[in-house]
Amino acid sequence: MFRIDYKSGLPIFEQIYRSVVKLGAAGAFGES
């Protein structure tokens, strides 16, 4: 579900933060 790009220069926690926001906006976490 989540992907990390170690070459991006962004800290891993920031990448996770952005992934949650993106996936949440796309409805990836279901109805709950």
PDB file of all heavy atoms in Angstrom:
ATOM      1  N   MET A   1       0.831  -1.191   0.000  1.00  0.00           N
ATOM      2  CA  MET A   1       0.000   0.000   0.000  1.00  0.00           C
ATOM      3  C   MET A   1       0.878   1.258   0.000  1.00  0.00           C
ATOM      4  O   MET A   1       0.725   2.111  -0.840  1.00  0.00           O
ATOM      5  CB  MET A   1      -0.920  -0.023   1.224  1.00  0.00           C
ATOM      6  CG  MET A   1      -1.822   1.185   1.305  1.00  0.00           C
ATOM      7  SD  MET A   1      -2.955   1.168   2.699  1.00  0.00           S
ATOM      8  CE  MET A   1      -4.243   0.133   2.073  1.00  0.00           C
ATOM      9  N   PHE A   2       1.799   1.348   0.934  1.00  0.00           N
ATOM     10  CA  PHE A   2       2.692   2.498   1.006  1.00  0.00           C
ATOM     11  C   PHE A   2       3.966   2.201   0.231  1.00  0.00           C
ATOM     12  O   PHE A   2       4.392   1.052   0.144  1.00  0.00           O
ATOM     13  CB  PHE A   2       3.074   2.792   2.467  1.00  0.00           C
ATOM     14  CG  PHE A   2       1.917   3.180   3.332  1.00  0.00           C
ATOM     15  CD1 PHE A   2       1.290   2.249   4.137  1.00  0.00           C
ATOM     16  CD2 PHE A   2       1.454   4.484   3.362  1.00  0.00           C
ATOM     17  CE1 PHE A   2       0.229   2.592   4.944  1.00  0.00           C
ATOM     18  CE2 PHE A   2       0.393   4.842   4.161  1.00  0.00           C
ATOM     19  CZ  PHE A   2      -0.228   3.893   4.952  1.00  0.00           C
ATOM     20  N   ARG A   3       4.554   3.271  -0.325  1.00  0.00           N
ATOM     21  CA  ARG A   3       5.830   3.133  -1.021  1.00  0.00           C
ATOM     22  C   ARG A   3       6.791   4.198  -0.512  1.00  0.00           C
ATOM     23  O   ARG A   3       6.397   5.338  -0.301  1.00  0.00           O
ATOM     24  CB  ARG A   3       5.648   3.325  -2.521  1.00  0.00           C
ATOM     25  CG  ARG A   3       5.581   2.010  -3.243  1.00  0.00           C
ATOM     26  CD  ARG A   3       5.699   2.208  -4.721  1.00  0.00           C
ATOM     27  NE  ARG A   3       4.388   1.866  -5.277  1.00  0.00           N
ATOM     28  CZ  ARG A   3       3.902   2.359  -6.367  1.00  0.00           C
ATOM     29  NH1 ARG A   3       4.563   3.234  -7.055  1.00  0.00           N
ATOM     30  NH2 ARG A   3       2.722   1.983  -6.785  1.00  0.00           N
ATOM     31  N   ILE A   4       8.047   3.796  -0.368  1.00  0.00           N
ATOM     32  CA  ILE A   4       9.085   4.717   0.075  1.00  0.00           C
ATOM     33  C   ILE A   4      10.116   4.835  -1.039  1.00  0.00           C
ATOM     34  O   ILE A   4      10.554   3.836  -1.604  1.00  0.00           O
ATOM     35  CB  ILE A   4       9.773   4.204   1.365  1.00  0.00           C
ATOM     36  CG1 ILE A   4       8.778   4.108   2.515  1.00  0.00           C
ATOM     37  CG2 ILE A   4      10.939   5.105   1.751  1.00  0.00           C
ATOM     38  CD1 ILE A   4       8.139   5.409   2.910  1.00  0.00           C
ATOM     39  N   ASP A   5      10.508   6.060  -1.332  1.00  0.00           N
ATOM     40  CA  ASP A   5      11.551   6.325  -2.321  1.00  0.00           C
ATOM     41  C   ASP A   5      12.760   6.868  -1.564  1.00  0.00           C
ATOM     42  O   ASP A   5      12.763   8.007  -1.125  1.00  0.00           O
ATOM     43  CB  ASP A   5      11.060   7.345  -3.357  1.00  0.00           C
ATOM     44  CG  ASP A   5      12.110   7.668  -4.401  1.00  0.00           C
ATOM     45  OD1 ASP A   5      13.202   7.053  -4.377  1.00  0.00           O
ATOM     46  OD2 ASP A   5      11.838   8.538  -5.246  1.00  0.00           O
ATOM     47  N   TYR A   6      13.747   6.018  -1.378  1.00  0.00           N
ATOM     48  CA  TYR A   6      14.922   6.405  -0.594  1.00  0.00           C
ATOM     49  C   TYR A   6      15.792   7.437  -1.305  1.00  0.00           C
ATOM     50  O   TYR A   6      16.635   8.058  -0.691  1.00  0.00           O
ATOM     51  CB  TYR A   6      15.750   5.166  -0.246  1.00  0.00           C
ATOM     52  CG  TYR A   6      15.017   4.240   0.698  1.00  0.00           C
ATOM     53  CD1 TYR A   6      14.360   3.108   0.232  1.00  0.00           C
ATOM     54  CD2 TYR A   6      14.962   4.518   2.052  1.00  0.00           C
ATOM     55  CE1 TYR A   6      13.667   2.273   1.091  1.00  0.00           C
ATOM     56  CE2 TYR A   6      14.272   3.698   2.929  1.00  0.00           C
ATOM     57  CZ  TYR A   6      13.634   2.574   2.451  1.00  0.00           C
ATOM     58  OH  TYR A   6      12.945   1.763   3.305  1.00  0.00           O
ATOM     59  N   LYS A   7      15.567   7.639  -2.594  1.00  0.00           N
ATOM     60  CA  LYS A   7      16.353   8.604  -3.357  1.00  0.00           C
ATOM     61  C   LYS A   7      15.680   9.971  -3.454  1.00  0.00           C
ATOM     62  O   LYS A   7      16.234  10.893  -4.024  1.00  0.00           O
ATOM     63  CB  LYS A   7      16.605   8.064  -4.774  1.00  0.00           C
ATOM     64  CG  LYS A   7      17.428   6.803  -4.790  1.00  0.00           C
ATOM     65  CD  LYS A   7      17.610   6.287  -6.196  1.00  0.00           C
ATOM     66  CE  LYS A   7      18.362   4.984  -6.188  1.00  0.00           C
ATOM     67  NZ  LYS A   7      18.522   4.444  -7.540  1.00  0.00           N
ATOM     68  N   SER A   8      14.475  10.112  -2.900  1.00  0.00           N
ATOM     69  CA  SER A   8      13.710  11.343  -3.088  1.00  0.00           C
ATOM     70  C   SER A   8      14.254  12.531  -2.295  1.00  0.00           C
ATOM     71  O   SER A   8      13.997  13.663  -2.643  1.00  0.00           O
ATOM     72  CB  SER A   8      12.248  11.123  -2.707  1.00  0.00           C
ATOM     73  OG  SER A   8      12.103  11.124  -1.304  1.00  0.00           O
ATOM     74  N   GLY A   9      14.957  12.256  -1.221  1.00  0.00           N
ATOM     75  CA  GLY A   9      15.436  13.355  -0.387  1.00  0.00           C
ATOM     76  C   GLY A   9      14.441  13.756   0.682  1.00  0.00           C
ATOM     77  O   GLY A   9      14.775  14.507   1.593  1.00  0.00           O
ATOM     78  N   LEU A  10      13.207  13.280   0.578  1.00  0.00           N
ATOM     79  CA  LEU A  10      12.200  13.552   1.604  1.00  0.00           C
ATOM     80  C   LEU A  10      12.366  12.556   2.740  1.00  0.00           C
ATOM     81  O   LEU A  10      12.580  11.373   2.497  1.00  0.00           O
ATOM     82  CB  LEU A  10      10.784  13.371   1.040  1.00  0.00           C
ATOM     83  CG  LEU A  10      10.142  14.545   0.333  1.00  0.00           C
ATOM     84  CD1 LEU A  10       8.779  14.121  -0.215  1.00  0.00           C
ATOM     85  CD2 LEU A  10       9.983  15.721   1.249  1.00  0.00           C
ATOM     86  N   PRO A  11      12.253  13.013   3.983  1.00  0.00           N
ATOM     87  CA  PRO A  11      12.326  12.073   5.102  1.00  0.00           C
ATOM     88  C   PRO A  11      11.231  11.005   4.981  1.00  0.00           C
ATOM     89  O   PRO A  11      10.147  11.268   4.448  1.00  0.00           O
ATOM     90  CB  PRO A  11      12.088  12.948   6.330  1.00  0.00           C
ATOM     91  CG  PRO A  11      12.378  14.343   5.894  1.00  0.00           C
ATOM     92  CD  PRO A  11      12.074  14.394   4.422  1.00  0.00           C
ATOM     93  N   ILE A  12      11.506   9.834   5.489  1.00  0.00           N
ATOM     94  CA  ILE A  12      10.565   8.719   5.373  1.00  0.00           C
ATOM     95  C   ILE A  12       9.239   9.054   6.043  1.00  0.00           C
ATOM     96  O   ILE A  12       8.178   8.771   5.501  1.00  0.00           O
ATOM     97  CB  ILE A  12      11.180   7.429   5.947  1.00  0.00           C
ATOM     98  CG1 ILE A  12      12.359   7.005   5.071  1.00  0.00           C
ATOM     99  CG2 ILE A  12      10.142   6.320   6.033  1.00  0.00           C
ATOM    100  CD1 ILE A  12      13.179   5.867   5.630  1.00  0.00           C
ATOM    101  N   PHE A  13       9.279   9.701   7.220  1.00  0.00           N
ATOM    102  CA  PHE A  13       8.021  10.024   7.895  1.00  0.00           C
ATOM    103  C   PHE A  13       7.172  10.978   7.060  1.00  0.00           C
ATOM    104  O   PHE A  13       5.953  10.882   7.040  1.00  0.00           O
ATOM    105  CB  PHE A  13       8.256  10.586   9.302  1.00  0.00           C
ATOM    106  CG  PHE A  13       8.861  11.963   9.343  1.00  0.00           C
ATOM    107  CD1 PHE A  13       8.059  13.086   9.336  1.00  0.00           C
ATOM    108  CD2 PHE A  13      10.239  12.129   9.394  1.00  0.00           C
ATOM    109  CE1 PHE A  13       8.613  14.359   9.370  1.00  0.00           C
ATOM    110  CE2 PHE A  13      10.797  13.388   9.436  1.00  0.00           C
ATOM    111  CZ  PHE A  13       9.988  14.507   9.425  1.00  0.00           C
ATOM    112  N   GLU A  14       7.812  11.882   6.318  1.00  0.00           N
ATOM    113  CA  GLU A  14       7.085  12.811   5.447  1.00  0.00           C
ATOM    114  C   GLU A  14       6.463  12.060   4.272  1.00  0.00           C
ATOM    115  O   GLU A  14       5.349  12.362   3.848  1.00  0.00           O
ATOM    116  CB  GLU A  14       8.027  13.902   4.944  1.00  0.00           C
ATOM    117  CG  GLU A  14       7.382  14.911   4.029  1.00  0.00           C
ATOM    118  CD  GLU A  14       6.409  15.846   4.716  1.00  0.00           C
ATOM    119  OE1 GLU A  14       6.551  16.079   5.935  1.00  0.00           O
ATOM    120  OE2 GLU A  14       5.483  16.334   4.044  1.00  0.00           O
ATOM    121  N   GLN A  15       7.176  11.079   3.745  1.00  0.00           N
ATOM    122  CA  GLN A  15       6.628  10.271   2.653  1.00  0.00           C
ATOM    123  C   GLN A  15       5.420   9.463   3.125  1.00  0.00           C
ATOM    124  O   GLN A  15       4.430   9.336   2.402  1.00  0.00           O
ATOM    125  CB  GLN A  15       7.699   9.337   2.088  1.00  0.00           C
ATOM    126  CG  GLN A  15       8.813  10.070   1.353  1.00  0.00           C
ATOM    127  CD  GLN A  15       9.810   9.119   0.740  1.00  0.00           C
ATOM    128  OE1 GLN A  15       9.431   8.180   0.044  1.00  0.00           O
ATOM    129  NE2 GLN A  15      11.087   9.348   1.002  1.00  0.00           N
ATOM    130  N   ILE A  16       5.487   8.939   4.343  1.00  0.00           N
ATOM    131  CA  ILE A  16       4.353   8.203   4.903  1.00  0.00           C
ATOM    132  C   ILE A  16       3.180   9.152   5.102  1.00  0.00           C
ATOM    133  O   ILE A  16       2.037   8.829   4.757  1.00  0.00           O
ATOM    134  CB  ILE A  16       4.745   7.506   6.222  1.00  0.00           C
ATOM    135  CG1 ILE A  16       5.802   6.426   5.954  1.00  0.00           C
ATOM    136  CG2 ILE A  16       3.509   6.918   6.916  1.00  0.00           C
ATOM    137  CD1 ILE A  16       6.460   5.862   7.201  1.00  0.00           C
ATOM    138  N   TYR A  17       3.451  10.340   5.625  1.00  0.00           N
ATOM    139  CA  TYR A  17       2.411  11.357   5.824  1.00  0.00           C
ATOM    140  C   TYR A  17       1.698  11.635   4.504  1.00  0.00           C
ATOM    141  O   TYR A  17       0.475  11.591   4.415  1.00  0.00           O
ATOM    142  CB  TYR A  17       3.060  12.628   6.371  1.00  0.00           C
ATOM    143  CG  TYR A  17       2.108  13.774   6.635  1.00  0.00           C
ATOM    144  CD1 TYR A  17       1.720  14.077   7.927  1.00  0.00           C
ATOM    145  CD2 TYR A  17       1.614  14.571   5.605  1.00  0.00           C
ATOM    146  CE1 TYR A  17       0.858  15.140   8.196  1.00  0.00           C
ATOM    147  CE2 TYR A  17       0.744  15.622   5.850  1.00  0.00           C
ATOM    148  CZ  TYR A  17       0.378  15.908   7.146  1.00  0.00           C
ATOM    149  OH  TYR A  17      -0.483  16.950   7.409  1.00  0.00           O
ATOM    150  N   ARG A  18       2.475  11.914   3.477  1.00  0.00           N
ATOM    151  CA  ARG A  18       1.891  12.226   2.162  1.00  0.00           C
ATOM    152  C   ARG A  18       1.130  11.043   1.580  1.00  0.00           C
ATOM    153  O   ARG A  18       0.099  11.215   0.939  1.00  0.00           O
ATOM    154  CB  ARG A  18       2.987  12.677   1.199  1.00  0.00           C
ATOM    155  CG  ARG A  18       3.554  14.028   1.553  1.00  0.00           C
ATOM    156  CD  ARG A  18       4.622  14.454   0.591  1.00  0.00           C
ATOM    157  NE  ARG A  18       5.163  15.754   0.952  1.00  0.00           N
ATOM    158  CZ  ARG A  18       5.869  16.503   0.141  1.00  0.00           C
ATOM    159  NH1 ARG A  18       6.143  16.100  -1.086  1.00  0.00           N
ATOM    160  NH2 ARG A  18       6.326  17.676   0.542  1.00  0.00           N
ATOM    161  N   SER A  19       1.632   9.842   1.801  1.00  0.00           N
ATOM    162  CA  SER A  19       0.943   8.647   1.306  1.00  0.00           C
ATOM    163  C   SER A  19      -0.418   8.485   1.962  1.00  0.00           C
ATOM    164  O   SER A  19      -1.394   8.149   1.289  1.00  0.00           O
ATOM    165  CB  SER A  19       1.782   7.390   1.573  1.00  0.00           C
ATOM    166  OG  SER A  19       2.931   7.370   0.778  1.00  0.00           O
ATOM    167  N   VAL A  20      -0.485   8.716   3.269  1.00  0.00           N
ATOM    168  CA  VAL A  20      -1.764   8.592   3.969  1.00  0.00           C
ATOM    169  C   VAL A  20      -2.756   9.608   3.420  1.00  0.00           C
ATOM    170  O   VAL A  20      -3.916   9.284   3.153  1.00  0.00           O
ATOM    171  CB  VAL A  20      -1.592   8.753   5.496  1.00  0.00           C
ATOM    172  CG1 VAL A  20      -2.942   8.901   6.194  1.00  0.00           C
ATOM    173  CG2 VAL A  20      -0.828   7.572   6.078  1.00  0.00           C
ATOM    174  N   VAL A  21      -2.309  10.835   3.229  1.00  0.00           N
ATOM    175  CA  VAL A  21      -3.196  11.874   2.701  1.00  0.00           C
ATOM    176  C   VAL A  21      -3.673  11.496   1.300  1.00  0.00           C
ATOM    177  O   VAL A  21      -4.870  11.570   0.993  1.00  0.00           O
ATOM    178  CB  VAL A  21      -2.499  13.250   2.698  1.00  0.00           C
ATOM    179  CG1 VAL A  21      -3.329  14.287   1.963  1.00  0.00           C
ATOM    180  CG2 VAL A  21      -2.223  13.710   4.127  1.00  0.00           C
ATOM    181  N   LYS A  22      -2.754  11.062   0.464  1.00  0.00           N
ATOM    182  CA  LYS A  22      -3.107  10.691  -0.915  1.00  0.00           C
ATOM    183  C   LYS A  22      -4.045   9.484  -0.945  1.00  0.00           C
ATOM    184  O   LYS A  22      -5.066   9.497  -1.634  1.00  0.00           O
ATOM    185  CB  LYS A  22      -1.824  10.381  -1.695  1.00  0.00           C
ATOM    186  CG  LYS A  22      -2.044  10.033  -3.139  1.00  0.00           C
ATOM    187  CD  LYS A  22      -0.715   9.789  -3.837  1.00  0.00           C
ATOM    188  CE  LYS A  22      -0.913   9.435  -5.289  1.00  0.00           C
ATOM    189  NZ  LYS A  22       0.359   9.190  -5.970  1.00  0.00           N
ATOM    190  N   LEU A  23      -3.714   8.453  -0.192  1.00  0.00           N
ATOM    191  CA  LEU A  23      -4.545   7.255  -0.169  1.00  0.00           C
ATOM    192  C   LEU A  23      -5.904   7.529   0.472  1.00  0.00           C
ATOM    193  O   LEU A  23      -6.918   6.999   0.040  1.00  0.00           O
ATOM    194  CB  LEU A  23      -3.824   6.121   0.562  1.00  0.00           C
ATOM    195  CG  LEU A  23      -2.587   5.555  -0.145  1.00  0.00           C
ATOM    196  CD1 LEU A  23      -1.799   4.654   0.798  1.00  0.00           C
ATOM    197  CD2 LEU A  23      -2.982   4.809  -1.402  1.00  0.00           C
ATOM    198  N   GLY A  24      -5.909   8.367   1.500  1.00  0.00           N
ATOM    199  CA  GLY A  24      -7.169   8.732   2.139  1.00  0.00           C
ATOM    200  C   GLY A  24      -8.079   9.472   1.189  1.00  0.00           C
ATOM    201  O   GLY A  24      -9.286   9.224   1.134  1.00  0.00           O
ATOM    202  N   ALA A  25      -7.500  10.376   0.413  1.00  0.00           N
ATOM    203  CA  ALA A  25      -8.289  11.129  -0.561  1.00  0.00           C
ATOM    204  C   ALA A  25      -8.838  10.217  -1.651  1.00  0.00           C
ATOM    205  O   ALA A  25      -9.910  10.460  -2.195  1.00  0.00           O
ATOM    206  CB  ALA A  25      -7.440  12.236  -1.176  1.00  0.00           C
ATOM    207  N   ALA A  26      -8.113   9.148  -1.937  1.00  0.00           N
ATOM    208  CA  ALA A  26      -8.539   8.214  -2.975  1.00  0.00           C
ATOM    209  C   ALA A  26      -9.501   7.151  -2.443  1.00  0.00           C
ATOM    210  O   ALA A  26      -9.992   6.325  -3.205  1.00  0.00           O
ATOM    211  CB  ALA A  26      -7.319   7.540  -3.592  1.00  0.00           C
ATOM    212  N   GLY A  27      -9.745   7.149  -1.138  1.00  0.00           N
ATOM    213  CA  GLY A  27     -10.664   6.180  -0.548  1.00  0.00           C
ATOM    214  C   GLY A  27     -10.065   4.810  -0.317  1.00  0.00           C
ATOM    215  O   GLY A  27     -10.782   3.822  -0.184  1.00  0.00           O
ATOM    216  N   ALA A  28      -8.740   4.724  -0.232  1.00  0.00           N
ATOM    217  CA  ALA A  28      -8.063   3.439  -0.096  1.00  0.00           C
ATOM    218  C   ALA A  28      -8.250   2.779   1.270  1.00  0.00           C
ATOM    219  O   ALA A  28      -7.960   1.597   1.419  1.00  0.00           O
ATOM    220  CB  ALA A  28      -6.572   3.611  -0.371  1.00  0.00           C
ATOM    221  N   PHE A  29      -8.741   3.524   2.255  1.00  0.00           N
ATOM    222  CA  PHE A  29      -8.899   2.958   3.596  1.00  0.00           C
ATOM    223  C   PHE A  29     -10.324   2.476   3.866  1.00  0.00           C
ATOM    224  O   PHE A  29     -10.682   2.178   5.000  1.00  0.00           O
ATOM    225  CB  PHE A  29      -8.455   3.966   4.656  1.00  0.00           C
ATOM    226  CG  PHE A  29      -7.003   4.346   4.531  1.00  0.00           C
ATOM    227  CD1 PHE A  29      -6.646   5.645   4.233  1.00  0.00           C
ATOM    228  CD2 PHE A  29      -6.002   3.406   4.680  1.00  0.00           C
ATOM    229  CE1 PHE A  29      -5.309   6.009   4.107  1.00  0.00           C
ATOM    230  CE2 PHE A  29      -4.666   3.739   4.551  1.00  0.00           C
ATOM    231  CZ  PHE A  29      -4.316   5.052   4.262  1.00  0.00           C
ATOM    232  N   GLY A  30     -11.127   2.401   2.824  1.00  0.00           N
ATOM    233  CA  GLY A  30     -12.475   1.880   2.952  1.00  0.00           C
ATOM    234  C   GLY A  30     -13.419   2.824   3.674  1.00  0.00           C
ATOM    235  O   GLY A  30     -13.072   3.962   3.986  1.00  0.00           O
ATOM    236  N   GLU A  31     -14.623   2.325   3.932  1.00  0.00           N
ATOM    237  CA  GLU A  31     -15.653   3.148   4.557  1.00  0.00           C
ATOM    238  C   GLU A  31     -15.301   3.525   5.987  1.00  0.00           C
ATOM    239  O   GLU A  31     -15.635   4.603   6.455  1.00  0.00           O
ATOM    240  CB  GLU A  31     -16.998   2.424   4.530  1.00  0.00           C
ATOM    241  CG  GLU A  31     -17.640   2.429   3.167  1.00  0.00           C
ATOM    242  CD  GLU A  31     -19.045   1.851   3.208  1.00  0.00           C
ATOM    243  OE1 GLU A  31     -19.703   1.942   4.256  1.00  0.00           O
ATOM    244  OE2 GLU A  31     -19.459   1.317   2.179  1.00  0.00           O
ATOM    245  N   SER A  32     -14.635   2.614   6.692  1.00  0.00           N
ATOM    246  CA  SER A  32     -14.303   2.896   8.089  1.00  0.00           C
ATOM    247  C   SER A  32     -13.194   3.939   8.200  1.00  0.00           C
ATOM    248  O   SER A  32     -13.100   4.639   9.191  1.00  0.00           O
ATOM    249  CB  SER A  32     -13.860   1.612   8.798  1.00  0.00           C
ATOM    250  OG  SER A  32     -12.592   1.185   8.316  1.00  0.00           O
TER     251      SER A  32
END
